[in-house]
Amino acid sequence: MSDNILVVLDDKGSAFYSGLDKTFILQKIDFFEDKKIVSIGASHNNYILVDNTGEVFQRESVASSDYELFFGNK
């Protein structure tokens, strides 16, 4: 959780967020089909997803739903 965002990871490996775009209704995070989310994090206007290989992804920008590799085995 951060100032403007809440990120939730359920027991099935699906992640949800609220707070972006000024909405506080939980919305499912669409992520790469071949990657399993195992950990999450939140910052002021962004969120971080960690997959089961240890790669860390962040949302590319506040206005985008694309992802970029932040840290990992690339």
Protein backbone atom coordinates (compact mmCIF):
# COMPACT_ATOMS: atom_id res chain seq x y z
CA MET A 1 0.00 0.00 0.00
CA SER A 2 1.15 3.53 -0.73
CA ASP A 3 -0.29 7.06 -0.73
CA ASN A 4 -2.43 6.60 -3.84
CA ILE A 5 -2.52 2.89 -4.54
CA LEU A 6 -3.41 -0.43 -2.96
CA VAL A 7 -2.20 -3.70 -4.50
CA VAL A 8 -3.56 -7.09 -3.42
CA LEU A 9 -2.29 -10.58 -4.30
CA ASP A 10 -4.77 -13.42 -3.85
CA ASP A 11 -3.97 -17.05 -3.09
CA LYS A 12 -4.38 -17.99 -6.78
CA GLY A 13 -1.61 -15.64 -7.92
CA SER A 14 -3.89 -12.93 -9.32
CA ALA A 15 -3.11 -9.34 -8.47
CA PHE A 16 -5.55 -6.47 -8.12
CA TYR A 17 -5.09 -2.71 -7.67
CA SER A 18 -7.13 0.30 -6.70
CA GLY A 19 -6.34 3.99 -6.46
CA LEU A 20 -4.96 4.66 -9.93
CA ASP A 21 -7.14 6.88 -12.12
CA LYS A 22 -8.84 8.05 -8.91
CA THR A 23 -10.97 4.91 -8.62
CA PHE A 24 -10.97 2.80 -5.49
CA ILE A 25 -12.69 -0.25 -6.94
CA LEU A 26 -10.34 -3.25 -7.11
CA GLN A 27 -9.37 -3.99 -10.72
CA LYS A 28 -7.55 -7.12 -11.87
CA ILE A 29 -4.01 -6.55 -13.13
CA ASP A 30 -3.54 -8.05 -16.58
CA PHE A 31 -0.03 -9.47 -16.61
CA PHE A 32 1.96 -11.76 -18.88
CA GLU A 33 0.15 -15.09 -19.31
CA ASP A 34 3.40 -17.09 -18.99
CA LYS A 35 4.49 -15.47 -15.70
CA LYS A 36 3.27 -16.20 -12.19
CA ILE A 37 3.12 -13.29 -9.77
CA VAL A 38 4.53 -14.21 -6.35
CA SER A 39 5.05 -10.80 -4.74
CA ILE A 40 3.77 -7.25 -5.13
CA GLY A 41 4.67 -3.73 -4.07
CA ALA A 42 3.23 -0.24 -4.37
CA SER A 43 4.68 3.23 -4.68
CA HIS A 44 3.17 6.69 -5.04
CA ASN A 45 1.56 6.20 -8.50
CA ASN A 46 2.85 2.81 -9.56
CA TYR A 47 3.09 -0.82 -8.59
CA ILE A 48 5.75 -3.51 -8.80
CA LEU A 49 5.20 -7.21 -9.60
CA VAL A 50 7.72 -9.98 -8.93
CA ASP A 51 7.40 -13.27 -10.83
CA ASN A 52 8.45 -16.75 -9.77
CA THR A 53 11.83 -16.42 -11.56
CA GLY A 54 12.75 -13.34 -9.50
CA GLU A 55 12.20 -10.81 -12.28
CA VAL A 56 10.76 -7.52 -11.07
CA PHE A 57 8.38 -5.57 -13.29
CA GLN A 58 6.89 -2.13 -12.89
CA ARG A 59 4.04 -0.49 -14.71
CA GLU A 60 5.64 1.46 -17.54
CA SER A 61 3.99 4.76 -16.67
CA VAL A 62 0.97 6.17 -14.90
CA ALA A 63 -0.92 6.41 -18.21
CA SER A 64 -0.02 2.96 -19.52
CA SER A 65 -0.91 -0.62 -18.71
CA ASP A 66 2.29 -1.92 -20.32
CA TYR A 67 5.13 -3.32 -18.23
CA GLU A 68 8.88 -2.95 -18.32
CA LEU A 69 11.50 -5.13 -16.71
CA PHE A 70 12.76 -3.23 -13.70
CA PHE A 71 15.27 -5.77 -12.43
CA GLY A 72 15.87 -9.35 -13.41
CA ASN A 73 17.52 -12.01 -15.48
CA LYS A 74 17.38 -10.45 -18.92
